[in-house]
C-alpha atoms as a PDB file:
ATOM      1  CA  UNK A   1     -17.430 -19.628 -19.881  1.00  0.00           C
ATOM      2  CA  UNK A   2     -19.026 -20.512 -23.222  1.00  0.00           C
ATOM      3  CA  UNK A   3     -21.024 -17.325 -22.924  1.00  0.00           C
ATOM      4  CA  UNK A   4     -17.800 -15.286 -22.874  1.00  0.00           C
ATOM      5  CA  UNK A   5     -16.651 -16.903 -26.128  1.00  0.00           C
ATOM      6  CA  UNK A   6     -20.001 -16.156 -27.748  1.00  0.00           C
ATOM      7  CA  UNK A   7     -19.764 -12.529 -26.688  1.00  0.00           C
ATOM      8  CA  UNK A   8     -16.224 -12.265 -28.053  1.00  0.00           C
ATOM      9  CA  UNK A   9     -17.307 -13.845 -31.337  1.00  0.00           C
ATOM     10  CA  UNK A  10     -20.203 -11.441 -31.667  1.00  0.00           C
ATOM     11  CA  UNK A  11     -18.043  -8.435 -30.764  1.00  0.00           C
ATOM     12  CA  UNK A  12     -15.375  -9.470 -33.235  1.00  0.00           C
ATOM     13  CA  UNK A  13     -17.938  -9.986 -35.969  1.00  0.00           C
ATOM     14  CA  UNK A  14     -19.427  -6.564 -35.247  1.00  0.00           C
ATOM     15  CA  UNK A  15     -15.946  -4.998 -35.399  1.00  0.00           C
ATOM     16  CA  UNK A  16     -15.304  -6.704 -38.740  1.00  0.00           C
ATOM     17  CA  UNK A  17     -18.571  -5.327 -40.107  1.00  0.00           C
ATOM     18  CA  UNK A  18     -17.582  -1.882 -38.845  1.00  0.00           C
ATOM     19  CA  UNK A  19     -14.212  -2.120 -40.598  1.00  0.00           C
ATOM     20  CA  UNK A  20     -15.815  -3.152 -43.884  1.00  0.00           C
ATOM     21  CA  UNK A  21     -18.346  -0.330 -43.688  1.00  0.00           C
ATOM     22  CA  UNK A  22     -15.611   2.203 -42.924  1.00  0.00           C
ATOM     23  CA  UNK A  23     -13.437   1.085 -45.809  1.00  0.00           C
ATOM     24  CA  UNK A  24     -16.392   1.045 -48.216  1.00  0.00           C
ATOM     25  CA  UNK A  25     -17.882   4.377 -47.201  1.00  0.00           C
ATOM     26  CA  UNK A  26     -14.847   6.615 -46.755  1.00  0.00           C
ATOM     27  CA  UNK A  27     -11.846   7.788 -48.650  1.00  0.00           C
ATOM     28  CA  UNK A  28      -9.115   6.996 -46.183  1.00  0.00           C
ATOM     29  CA  UNK A  29      -5.403   7.650 -46.234  1.00  0.00           C
ATOM     30  CA  UNK A  30      -3.493   4.639 -47.517  1.00  0.00           C
ATOM     31  CA  UNK A  31      -1.844   3.852 -44.188  1.00  0.00           C
ATOM     32  CA  UNK A  32      -5.204   3.889 -42.394  1.00  0.00           C
ATOM     33  CA  UNK A  33      -6.772   1.664 -45.055  1.00  0.00           C
ATOM     34  CA  UNK A  34      -3.902  -0.800 -44.739  1.00  0.00           C
ATOM     35  CA  UNK A  35      -4.139  -0.828 -40.940  1.00  0.00           C
ATOM     36  CA  UNK A  36      -7.888  -1.506 -41.088  1.00  0.00           C
ATOM     37  CA  UNK A  37      -7.363  -4.204 -43.705  1.00  0.00           C
ATOM     38  CA  UNK A  38      -4.750  -5.912 -41.527  1.00  0.00           C
ATOM     39  CA  UNK A  39      -7.032  -5.730 -38.498  1.00  0.00           C
ATOM     40  CA  UNK A  40      -9.859  -7.215 -40.551  1.00  0.00           C
ATOM     41  CA  UNK A  41      -7.687 -10.078 -41.800  1.00  0.00           C
ATOM     42  CA  UNK A  42      -6.644 -10.844 -38.219  1.00  0.00           C
ATOM     43  CA  UNK A  43     -10.264 -10.885 -37.072  1.00  0.00           C
ATOM     44  CA  UNK A  44     -11.245 -13.146 -39.974  1.00  0.00           C
ATOM     45  CA  UNK A  45      -8.517 -15.622 -39.031  1.00  0.00           C
ATOM     46  CA  UNK A  46      -9.669 -15.668 -35.407  1.00  0.00           C
ATOM     47  CA  UNK A  47     -13.321 -16.094 -36.382  1.00  0.00           C
ATOM     48  CA  UNK A  48     -12.468 -18.915 -38.797  1.00  0.00           C
ATOM     49  CA  UNK A  49     -10.581 -20.711 -36.019  1.00  0.00           C
ATOM     50  CA  UNK A  50     -13.537 -20.271 -33.658  1.00  0.00           C
ATOM     51  CA  UNK A  51     -15.922 -21.672 -36.254  1.00  0.00           C
ATOM     52  CA  UNK A  52     -13.629 -24.618 -36.931  1.00  0.00           C
ATOM     53  CA  UNK A  53     -13.484 -25.322 -33.193  1.00  0.00           C
ATOM     54  CA  UNK A  54     -17.265 -25.120 -32.943  1.00  0.00           C
ATOM     55  CA  UNK A  55     -17.673 -27.492 -35.892  1.00  0.00           C
ATOM     56  CA  UNK A  56     -15.374 -29.980 -34.165  1.00  0.00           C
ATOM     57  CA  UNK A  57     -17.402 -29.784 -30.962  1.00  0.00           C
ATOM     58  CA  UNK A  58     -20.636 -30.322 -32.868  1.00  0.00           C
ATOM     59  CA  UNK A  59     -19.131 -33.315 -34.685  1.00  0.00           C
ATOM     60  CA  UNK A  60     -18.097 -34.782 -31.310  1.00  0.00           C
ATOM     61  CA  UNK A  61     -21.597 -34.277 -29.933  1.00  0.00           C
ATOM     62  CA  UNK A  62     -23.147 -35.975 -32.966  1.00  0.00           C
ATOM     63  CA  UNK A  63     -20.780 -38.941 -32.581  1.00  0.00           C
ATOM     64  CA  UNK A  64     -21.927 -39.401 -28.990  1.00  0.00           C
ATOM     65  CA  UNK A  65     -25.582 -39.357 -29.987  1.00  0.00           C
END
């Protein structure tokens, strides 16, 4: 199960990198740029939550040790 979360994290990070590269390298219509920006912001929020969760798990592990 943890493996699935890792794969999702990696896929989401790759998608975010793809969005950034697309926005930086192309002249896009405004509506497409906005849609990509919104998708990127959503991915960032999800990734930040995943990292926060991981930090909490690591802190719990360190407390046990």
